[in-house]
């Protein structure tokens, strides 16, 4: 039976060179290579950085097979390998000296006056104003009203997304083995007139976060999902929960997350 590995790459010169070398080495090791996700594919290798990984996952519609990332750009948190480690990786993979880290995306259910849209996010969902104006939002968690928020917006992240935009916005880094959601305010207003929480909130992964926009200037809201912007008019509410979908990240070490964390932040 053929063992098929799907390779996805961005168009950077280094990535394409790495793809060529990787394909030749995998073929020599007895694997078949495809640019598409085949029914028999057992592994996806994404070549690039975190952005390429997110694009690969979305292009292949959140596949149910393991994904490993070879980093050819800036330091990426999803990246497991450098191009120089290809030989070692192939040997470890054939010897089954790897393990699978599972991660749940977020699911945002966006209800407008005319439609209902569902979007999934691996890193984060961000709610912002279309214009550079203060956004007023009612925040509820598990049907309990938490506060009336005023500021630039709100960011809800997964544990593996805690090191992305969330960290830049002042949120906490969360161990990806924990089962949580994180809600981080963006430029919150905290004055006599407005009282908004100023630090991130860690919630159970089984929480339902409901956001209800209060329209004062215009009725458009920007929802940013893993860096991709969607503009909606007349949003009634946005419900954000943990998706039942699972992303499988192939890892060589249980310590890879903290290894990357020390490289990136220390």
C-alpha atoms as a PDB file:
ATOM      1  CA  UNK A   1       0.000   0.000   0.000  1.00  0.00           C
ATOM      2  CA  UNK A   2       1.334   3.409  -0.999  1.00  0.00           C
ATOM      3  CA  UNK A   3       2.184   5.824   1.793  1.00  0.00           C
ATOM      4  CA  UNK A   4       1.208   9.289   0.593  1.00  0.00           C
ATOM      5  CA  UNK A   5       2.463  12.551   2.079  1.00  0.00           C
ATOM      6  CA  UNK A   6       0.922  15.854   0.989  1.00  0.00           C
ATOM      7  CA  UNK A   7       3.289  18.831   0.744  1.00  0.00           C
ATOM      8  CA  UNK A   8       2.035  22.411   0.781  1.00  0.00           C
ATOM      9  CA  UNK A   9       4.414  25.335   0.281  1.00  0.00           C
ATOM     10  CA  UNK A  10       4.354  29.088  -0.119  1.00  0.00           C
ATOM     11  CA  UNK A  11       6.067  30.606  -3.164  1.00  0.00           C
ATOM     12  CA  UNK A  12       9.207  31.886  -1.482  1.00  0.00           C
ATOM     13  CA  UNK A  13      12.427  30.767  -3.179  1.00  0.00           C
ATOM     14  CA  UNK A  14      13.712  29.067  -0.032  1.00  0.00           C
ATOM     15  CA  UNK A  15      10.412  27.259   0.463  1.00  0.00           C
ATOM     16  CA  UNK A  16      10.333  25.939  -3.097  1.00  0.00           C
ATOM     17  CA  UNK A  17      13.940  24.779  -2.815  1.00  0.00           C
ATOM     18  CA  UNK A  18      13.116  23.035   0.453  1.00  0.00           C
ATOM     19  CA  UNK A  19      10.067  21.399  -1.126  1.00  0.00           C
ATOM     20  CA  UNK A  20      12.195  19.982  -3.948  1.00  0.00           C
ATOM     21  CA  UNK A  21      14.798  18.577  -1.546  1.00  0.00           C
ATOM     22  CA  UNK A  22      12.124  17.205   0.797  1.00  0.00           C
ATOM     23  CA  UNK A  23      10.221  15.528  -2.048  1.00  0.00           C
ATOM     24  CA  UNK A  24      13.350  13.775  -3.316  1.00  0.00           C
ATOM     25  CA  UNK A  25      14.286  12.555   0.161  1.00  0.00           C
ATOM     26  CA  UNK A  26      10.771  11.313   0.921  1.00  0.00           C
ATOM     27  CA  UNK A  27      10.606   9.439  -2.382  1.00  0.00           C
ATOM     28  CA  UNK A  28      13.952   7.825  -1.603  1.00  0.00           C
ATOM     29  CA  UNK A  29      12.489   6.773   1.763  1.00  0.00           C
ATOM     30  CA  UNK A  30       9.580   5.019   0.031  1.00  0.00           C
ATOM     31  CA  UNK A  31       6.843   7.656   0.224  1.00  0.00           C
ATOM     32  CA  UNK A  32       4.642   9.012  -2.553  1.00  0.00           C
ATOM     33  CA  UNK A  33       4.277  12.794  -2.784  1.00  0.00           C
ATOM     34  CA  UNK A  34       1.206  14.845  -3.681  1.00  0.00           C
ATOM     35  CA  UNK A  35       0.402  18.555  -3.826  1.00  0.00           C
ATOM     36  CA  UNK A  36      -3.231  17.732  -3.075  1.00  0.00           C
ATOM     37  CA  UNK A  37      -4.909  16.220  -0.059  1.00  0.00           C
ATOM     38  CA  UNK A  38      -5.582  12.644  -1.133  1.00  0.00           C
ATOM     39  CA  UNK A  39      -7.976  10.249   0.563  1.00  0.00           C
ATOM     40  CA  UNK A  40      -4.943   8.119   1.443  1.00  0.00           C
ATOM     41  CA  UNK A  41      -2.707  10.981   2.643  1.00  0.00           C
ATOM     42  CA  UNK A  42      -1.247  10.148   6.055  1.00  0.00           C
ATOM     43  CA  UNK A  43       0.601  13.414   6.719  1.00  0.00           C
ATOM     44  CA  UNK A  44       0.626  17.030   5.567  1.00  0.00           C
ATOM     45  CA  UNK A  45       3.900  18.933   5.522  1.00  0.00           C
ATOM     46  CA  UNK A  46       3.521  22.715   5.350  1.00  0.00           C
ATOM     47  CA  UNK A  47       6.598  24.643   4.235  1.00  0.00           C
ATOM     48  CA  UNK A  48       6.830  28.322   5.197  1.00  0.00           C
ATOM     49  CA  UNK A  49       5.852  29.927   8.482  1.00  0.00           C
ATOM     50  CA  UNK A  50       2.829  30.309  10.713  1.00  0.00           C
ATOM     51  CA  UNK A  51       0.916  32.118   7.966  1.00  0.00           C
ATOM     52  CA  UNK A  52       1.551  29.290   5.525  1.00  0.00           C
ATOM     53  CA  UNK A  53       0.401  26.780   8.131  1.00  0.00           C
ATOM     54  CA  UNK A  54      -2.865  28.651   8.730  1.00  0.00           C
ATOM     55  CA  UNK A  55      -3.464  28.878   4.982  1.00  0.00           C
ATOM     56  CA  UNK A  56      -2.747  25.161   4.556  1.00  0.00           C
ATOM     57  CA  UNK A  57      -5.234  24.221   7.279  1.00  0.00           C
ATOM     58  CA  UNK A  58      -7.929  26.415   5.738  1.00  0.00           C
ATOM     59  CA  UNK A  59      -7.194  25.358   2.149  1.00  0.00           C
ATOM     60  CA  UNK A  60      -7.560  21.709   3.168  1.00  0.00           C
ATOM     61  CA  UNK A  61     -10.683  22.471   5.227  1.00  0.00           C
ATOM     62  CA  UNK A  62      -9.316  21.581   8.672  1.00  0.00           C
ATOM     63  CA  UNK A  63      -8.054  18.078   7.772  1.00  0.00           C
ATOM     64  CA  UNK A  64      -8.222  15.158  10.174  1.00  0.00           C
ATOM     65  CA  UNK A  65      -4.637  14.028   9.610  1.00  0.00           C
ATOM     66  CA  UNK A  66      -1.417  15.234  11.257  1.00  0.00           C
ATOM     67  CA  UNK A  67       0.333  18.383  10.041  1.00  0.00           C
ATOM     68  CA  UNK A  68       3.989  19.270  10.511  1.00  0.00           C
ATOM     69  CA  UNK A  69       5.589  22.618   9.602  1.00  0.00           C
ATOM     70  CA  UNK A  70       9.042  23.200   8.137  1.00  0.00           C
ATOM     71  CA  UNK A  71      10.040  26.781   8.876  1.00  0.00           C
ATOM     72  CA  UNK A  72      11.563  28.785   6.023  1.00  0.00           C
ATOM     73  CA  UNK A  73      10.574  32.237   7.235  1.00  0.00           C
ATOM     74  CA  UNK A  74      10.683  34.015  10.561  1.00  0.00           C
ATOM     75  CA  UNK A  75      10.540  32.023  13.769  1.00  0.00           C
ATOM     76  CA  UNK A  76       7.125  30.404  13.908  1.00  0.00           C
ATOM     77  CA  UNK A  77       5.337  28.821  16.827  1.00  0.00           C
ATOM     78  CA  UNK A  78       3.758  26.110  14.708  1.00  0.00           C
ATOM     79  CA  UNK A  79       7.038  25.258  13.025  1.00  0.00           C
ATOM     80  CA  UNK A  80       8.524  21.978  14.194  1.00  0.00           C
ATOM     81  CA  UNK A  81      11.481  21.716  11.824  1.00  0.00           C
ATOM     82  CA  UNK A  82      14.166  23.684  10.075  1.00  0.00           C
ATOM     83  CA  UNK A  83      15.213  22.601   6.560  1.00  0.00           C
ATOM     84  CA  UNK A  84      18.478  21.264   7.992  1.00  0.00           C
ATOM     85  CA  UNK A  85      16.516  18.720  10.061  1.00  0.00           C
ATOM     86  CA  UNK A  86      14.757  16.955   7.189  1.00  0.00           C
ATOM     87  CA  UNK A  87      16.892  13.787   7.291  1.00  0.00           C
ATOM     88  CA  UNK A  88      16.496  13.451  11.051  1.00  0.00           C
ATOM     89  CA  UNK A  89      12.745  14.025  10.799  1.00  0.00           C
ATOM     90  CA  UNK A  90      12.230  11.385   8.106  1.00  0.00           C
ATOM     91  CA  UNK A  91      14.130   8.864  10.209  1.00  0.00           C
ATOM     92  CA  UNK A  92      12.095   9.736  13.327  1.00  0.00           C
ATOM     93  CA  UNK A  93       8.835   9.589  11.369  1.00  0.00           C
ATOM     94  CA  UNK A  94       9.575   6.181   9.902  1.00  0.00           C
ATOM     95  CA  UNK A  95      10.622   4.934  13.348  1.00  0.00           C
ATOM     96  CA  UNK A  96       7.441   6.422  14.883  1.00  0.00           C
ATOM     97  CA  UNK A  97       9.463   8.572  17.291  1.00  0.00           C
ATOM     98  CA  UNK A  98       6.860  11.317  17.080  1.00  0.00           C
ATOM     99  CA  UNK A  99       3.619  12.142  18.838  1.00  0.00           C
ATOM    100  CA  UNK A 100       0.422  14.021  18.056  1.00  0.00           C
ATOM    101  CA  UNK A 101      -0.617  17.207  19.828  1.00  0.00           C
ATOM    102  CA  UNK A 102      -4.323  17.902  19.374  1.00  0.00           C
ATOM    103  CA  UNK A 103      -5.765  21.406  19.413  1.00  0.00           C
ATOM    104  CA  UNK A 104      -9.316  22.709  19.105  1.00  0.00           C
ATOM    105  CA  UNK A 105     -10.028  25.780  16.960  1.00  0.00           C
ATOM    106  CA  UNK A 106     -12.588  28.409  17.887  1.00  0.00           C
ATOM    107  CA  UNK A 107     -15.996  28.519  16.265  1.00  0.00           C
ATOM    108  CA  UNK A 108     -17.613  31.917  15.791  1.00  0.00           C
ATOM    109  CA  UNK A 109     -21.349  31.937  15.066  1.00  0.00           C
ATOM    110  CA  UNK A 110     -22.163  35.361  13.627  1.00  0.00           C
ATOM    111  CA  UNK A 111     -25.834  36.285  13.525  1.00  0.00           C
ATOM    112  CA  UNK A 112     -26.966  39.298  11.518  1.00  0.00           C
ATOM    113  CA  UNK A 113     -30.478  40.509  10.774  1.00  0.00           C
ATOM    114  CA  UNK A 114     -30.404  38.571   7.503  1.00  0.00           C
ATOM    115  CA  UNK A 115     -27.999  35.659   7.904  1.00  0.00           C
ATOM    116  CA  UNK A 116     -26.109  33.236  10.109  1.00  0.00           C
ATOM    117  CA  UNK A 117     -22.422  32.594   9.363  1.00  0.00           C
ATOM    118  CA  UNK A 118     -20.052  30.156  11.059  1.00  0.00           C
ATOM    119  CA  UNK A 119     -16.269  30.622  10.857  1.00  0.00           C
ATOM    120  CA  UNK A 120     -13.511  28.613  12.555  1.00  0.00           C
ATOM    121  CA  UNK A 121     -10.193  30.023  13.786  1.00  0.00           C
ATOM    122  CA  UNK A 122      -7.009  28.284  14.891  1.00  0.00           C
ATOM    123  CA  UNK A 123      -5.426  31.278  16.645  1.00  0.00           C
ATOM    124  CA  UNK A 124      -8.000  33.935  17.388  1.00  0.00           C
ATOM    125  CA  UNK A 125     -11.196  35.793  16.584  1.00  0.00           C
ATOM    126  CA  UNK A 126     -11.054  39.591  16.869  1.00  0.00           C
ATOM    127  CA  UNK A 127     -14.045  41.944  16.942  1.00  0.00           C
ATOM    128  CA  UNK A 128     -13.231  45.511  15.872  1.00  0.00           C
ATOM    129  CA  UNK A 129     -14.869  48.637  14.528  1.00  0.00           C
ATOM    130  CA  UNK A 130     -14.670  49.109  10.762  1.00  0.00           C
ATOM    131  CA  UNK A 131     -13.718  52.754  11.315  1.00  0.00           C
ATOM    132  CA  UNK A 132     -11.166  53.986  13.833  1.00  0.00           C
ATOM    133  CA  UNK A 133     -13.792  54.635  16.473  1.00  0.00           C
ATOM    134  CA  UNK A 134     -14.488  53.353  19.935  1.00  0.00           C
ATOM    135  CA  UNK A 135     -16.460  50.129  19.892  1.00  0.00           C
ATOM    136  CA  UNK A 136     -19.189  49.535  22.483  1.00  0.00           C
ATOM    137  CA  UNK A 137     -19.992  45.901  23.204  1.00  0.00           C
ATOM    138  CA  UNK A 138     -22.049  43.990  25.727  1.00  0.00           C
ATOM    139  CA  UNK A 139     -20.088  40.959  26.921  1.00  0.00           C
ATOM    140  CA  UNK A 140     -21.764  37.812  28.228  1.00  0.00           C
ATOM    141  CA  UNK A 141     -20.235  34.530  29.354  1.00  0.00           C
ATOM    142  CA  UNK A 142     -22.542  31.531  29.750  1.00  0.00           C
ATOM    143  CA  UNK A 143     -25.567  33.850  29.611  1.00  0.00           C
ATOM    144  CA  UNK A 144     -24.222  35.994  32.452  1.00  0.00           C
ATOM    145  CA  UNK A 145     -23.599  39.634  31.602  1.00  0.00           C
ATOM    146  CA  UNK A 146     -19.997  40.505  32.467  1.00  0.00           C
ATOM    147  CA  UNK A 147     -19.809  44.144  31.423  1.00  0.00           C
ATOM    148  CA  UNK A 148     -20.460  46.832  28.834  1.00  0.00           C
ATOM    149  CA  UNK A 149     -17.094  47.151  27.134  1.00  0.00           C
ATOM    150  CA  UNK A 150     -15.726  50.242  25.413  1.00  0.00           C
ATOM    151  CA  UNK A 151     -12.447  50.283  23.511  1.00  0.00           C
ATOM    152  CA  UNK A 152     -10.881  49.208  20.227  1.00  0.00           C
ATOM    153  CA  UNK A 153     -12.319  45.721  20.425  1.00  0.00           C
ATOM    154  CA  UNK A 154     -12.037  42.221  21.866  1.00  0.00           C
ATOM    155  CA  UNK A 155      -9.828  39.271  21.046  1.00  0.00           C
ATOM    156  CA  UNK A 156     -10.673  35.649  21.860  1.00  0.00           C
ATOM    157  CA  UNK A 157      -7.812  33.170  21.466  1.00  0.00           C
ATOM    158  CA  UNK A 158      -7.082  29.471  21.756  1.00  0.00           C
ATOM    159  CA  UNK A 159      -4.171  28.200  23.867  1.00  0.00           C
ATOM    160  CA  UNK A 160      -1.999  27.677  20.785  1.00  0.00           C
ATOM    161  CA  UNK A 161      -3.016  31.141  19.578  1.00  0.00           C
ATOM    162  CA  UNK A 162      -2.049  32.765  22.873  1.00  0.00           C
ATOM    163  CA  UNK A 163       1.444  33.548  21.534  1.00  0.00           C
ATOM    164  CA  UNK A 164       0.162  35.344  18.422  1.00  0.00           C
ATOM    165  CA  UNK A 165      -1.877  38.586  18.322  1.00  0.00           C
ATOM    166  CA  UNK A 166      -3.086  37.851  21.851  1.00  0.00           C
ATOM    167  CA  UNK A 167       0.418  38.167  23.281  1.00  0.00           C
ATOM    168  CA  UNK A 168       1.044  41.401  21.359  1.00  0.00           C
ATOM    169  CA  UNK A 169      -2.182  42.789  22.842  1.00  0.00           C
ATOM    170  CA  UNK A 170      -1.001  42.073  26.389  1.00  0.00           C
ATOM    171  CA  UNK A 171      -2.678  38.697  26.848  1.00  0.00           C
ATOM    172  CA  UNK A 172      -1.169  35.754  28.699  1.00  0.00           C
ATOM    173  CA  UNK A 173       0.821  32.899  27.186  1.00  0.00           C
ATOM    174  CA  UNK A 174      -1.107  29.691  27.862  1.00  0.00           C
ATOM    175  CA  UNK A 175       0.327  26.187  27.878  1.00  0.00           C
ATOM    176  CA  UNK A 176      -1.312  24.500  24.831  1.00  0.00           C
ATOM    177  CA  UNK A 177      -2.040  21.390  26.897  1.00  0.00           C
ATOM    178  CA  UNK A 178      -4.590  23.397  28.935  1.00  0.00           C
ATOM    179  CA  UNK A 179      -8.250  23.392  27.956  1.00  0.00           C
ATOM    180  CA  UNK A 180      -9.083  27.104  27.938  1.00  0.00           C
ATOM    181  CA  UNK A 181     -10.307  30.133  26.036  1.00  0.00           C
ATOM    182  CA  UNK A 182      -8.783  33.567  26.570  1.00  0.00           C
ATOM    183  CA  UNK A 183     -10.527  36.901  26.187  1.00  0.00           C
ATOM    184  CA  UNK A 184      -8.249  39.937  25.830  1.00  0.00           C
ATOM    185  CA  UNK A 185      -9.439  43.568  25.598  1.00  0.00           C
ATOM    186  CA  UNK A 186      -7.957  45.809  22.928  1.00  0.00           C
ATOM    187  CA  UNK A 187      -7.205  49.343  24.150  1.00  0.00           C
ATOM    188  CA  UNK A 188      -9.975  49.320  26.779  1.00  0.00           C
ATOM    189  CA  UNK A 189     -11.369  52.592  28.099  1.00  0.00           C
ATOM    190  CA  UNK A 190     -11.188  52.817  31.874  1.00  0.00           C
ATOM    191  CA  UNK A 191     -12.341  56.244  33.040  1.00  0.00           C
ATOM    192  CA  UNK A 192     -15.059  57.685  35.272  1.00  0.00           C
ATOM    193  CA  UNK A 193     -17.487  57.392  32.366  1.00  0.00           C
ATOM    194  CA  UNK A 194     -16.357  53.970  31.132  1.00  0.00           C
ATOM    195  CA  UNK A 195     -15.246  50.961  33.176  1.00  0.00           C
ATOM    196  CA  UNK A 196     -13.750  48.156  31.103  1.00  0.00           C
ATOM    197  CA  UNK A 197     -11.570  45.312  32.302  1.00  0.00           C
ATOM    198  CA  UNK A 198      -7.941  45.935  31.402  1.00  0.00           C
ATOM    199  CA  UNK A 199      -6.410  42.453  31.564  1.00  0.00           C
ATOM    200  CA  UNK A 200      -7.148  39.193  29.813  1.00  0.00           C
ATOM    201  CA  UNK A 201      -9.620  36.688  31.242  1.00  0.00           C
ATOM    202  CA  UNK A 202      -8.939  32.945  31.163  1.00  0.00           C
ATOM    203  CA  UNK A 203     -12.119  30.920  30.742  1.00  0.00           C
ATOM    204  CA  UNK A 204     -13.022  27.266  30.623  1.00  0.00           C
ATOM    205  CA  UNK A 205     -12.942  25.819  27.109  1.00  0.00           C
ATOM    206  CA  UNK A 206     -16.597  24.882  27.597  1.00  0.00           C
ATOM    207  CA  UNK A 207     -17.651  28.513  27.991  1.00  0.00           C
ATOM    208  CA  UNK A 208     -19.861  30.352  25.543  1.00  0.00           C
ATOM    209  CA  UNK A 209     -18.791  33.941  24.909  1.00  0.00           C
ATOM    210  CA  UNK A 210     -21.540  36.149  23.518  1.00  0.00           C
ATOM    211  CA  UNK A 211     -20.815  39.627  22.197  1.00  0.00           C
ATOM    212  CA  UNK A 212     -23.605  42.060  21.357  1.00  0.00           C
ATOM    213  CA  UNK A 213     -22.579  45.232  19.506  1.00  0.00           C
ATOM    214  CA  UNK A 214     -24.092  48.555  20.485  1.00  0.00           C
ATOM    215  CA  UNK A 215     -24.335  50.735  17.386  1.00  0.00           C
ATOM    216  CA  UNK A 216     -23.726  54.441  17.943  1.00  0.00           C
ATOM    217  CA  UNK A 217     -22.080  55.659  14.735  1.00  0.00           C
ATOM    218  CA  UNK A 218     -22.461  52.942  12.091  1.00  0.00           C
ATOM    219  CA  UNK A 219     -23.786  49.416  11.926  1.00  0.00           C
ATOM    220  CA  UNK A 220     -20.685  47.663  10.548  1.00  0.00           C
ATOM    221  CA  UNK A 221     -18.400  45.387  12.532  1.00  0.00           C
ATOM    222  CA  UNK A 222     -15.056  43.899  11.476  1.00  0.00           C
ATOM    223  CA  UNK A 223     -14.484  40.273  12.464  1.00  0.00           C
ATOM    224  CA  UNK A 224     -10.861  39.204  11.964  1.00  0.00           C
ATOM    225  CA  UNK A 225     -10.297  35.433  11.903  1.00  0.00           C
ATOM    226  CA  UNK A 226      -6.637  34.345  11.959  1.00  0.00           C
ATOM    227  CA  UNK A 227      -5.716  37.599  10.232  1.00  0.00           C
ATOM    228  CA  UNK A 228      -8.448  37.390   7.562  1.00  0.00           C
ATOM    229  CA  UNK A 229     -10.943  40.262   7.720  1.00  0.00           C
ATOM    230  CA  UNK A 230     -14.709  39.897   7.317  1.00  0.00           C
ATOM    231  CA  UNK A 231     -16.998  42.915   7.346  1.00  0.00           C
ATOM    232  CA  UNK A 232     -20.578  42.442   8.524  1.00  0.00           C
ATOM    233  CA  UNK A 233     -23.517  44.808   8.700  1.00  0.00           C
ATOM    234  CA  UNK A 234     -26.295  44.637  11.287  1.00  0.00           C
ATOM    235  CA  UNK A 235     -24.707  42.011  13.541  1.00  0.00           C
ATOM    236  CA  UNK A 236     -27.144  41.034  16.285  1.00  0.00           C
ATOM    237  CA  UNK A 237     -24.737  38.868  18.260  1.00  0.00           C
ATOM    238  CA  UNK A 238     -21.543  36.835  17.951  1.00  0.00           C
ATOM    239  CA  UNK A 239     -21.251  33.564  19.880  1.00  0.00           C
ATOM    240  CA  UNK A 240     -17.770  32.107  20.263  1.00  0.00           C
ATOM    241  CA  UNK A 241     -17.186  28.573  21.532  1.00  0.00           C
ATOM    242  CA  UNK A 242     -14.547  25.891  21.255  1.00  0.00           C
ATOM    243  CA  UNK A 243     -15.028  23.907  18.073  1.00  0.00           C
ATOM    244  CA  UNK A 244     -15.387  20.136  18.152  1.00  0.00           C
ATOM    245  CA  UNK A 245     -12.969  20.029  15.222  1.00  0.00           C
ATOM    246  CA  UNK A 246      -9.472  18.831  16.123  1.00  0.00           C
ATOM    247  CA  UNK A 247      -6.221  19.928  14.548  1.00  0.00           C
ATOM    248  CA  UNK A 248      -3.445  17.343  14.824  1.00  0.00           C
ATOM    249  CA  UNK A 249       0.060  18.778  15.076  1.00  0.00           C
ATOM    250  CA  UNK A 250       2.878  16.300  14.656  1.00  0.00           C
ATOM    251  CA  UNK A 251       5.616  16.901  17.227  1.00  0.00           C
ATOM    252  CA  UNK A 252       8.976  15.297  17.922  1.00  0.00           C
ATOM    253  CA  UNK A 253       9.144  16.450  21.541  1.00  0.00           C
ATOM    254  CA  UNK A 254       6.742  17.263  24.362  1.00  0.00           C
ATOM    255  CA  UNK A 255       8.945  20.274  25.103  1.00  0.00           C
ATOM    256  CA  UNK A 256       8.729  21.852  21.648  1.00  0.00           C
ATOM    257  CA  UNK A 257       6.261  24.534  22.721  1.00  0.00           C
ATOM    258  CA  UNK A 258       8.483  25.813  25.526  1.00  0.00           C
ATOM    259  CA  UNK A 259      11.567  25.457  23.344  1.00  0.00           C
ATOM    260  CA  UNK A 260       9.958  27.790  20.815  1.00  0.00           C
ATOM    261  CA  UNK A 261       8.757  30.087  23.595  1.00  0.00           C
ATOM    262  CA  UNK A 262      12.277  30.507  24.972  1.00  0.00           C
ATOM    263  CA  UNK A 263      13.649  31.152  21.474  1.00  0.00           C
ATOM    264  CA  UNK A 264      10.994  33.736  20.695  1.00  0.00           C
ATOM    265  CA  UNK A 265      10.567  35.655  23.930  1.00  0.00           C
ATOM    266  CA  UNK A 266      13.694  35.205  26.056  1.00  0.00           C
END
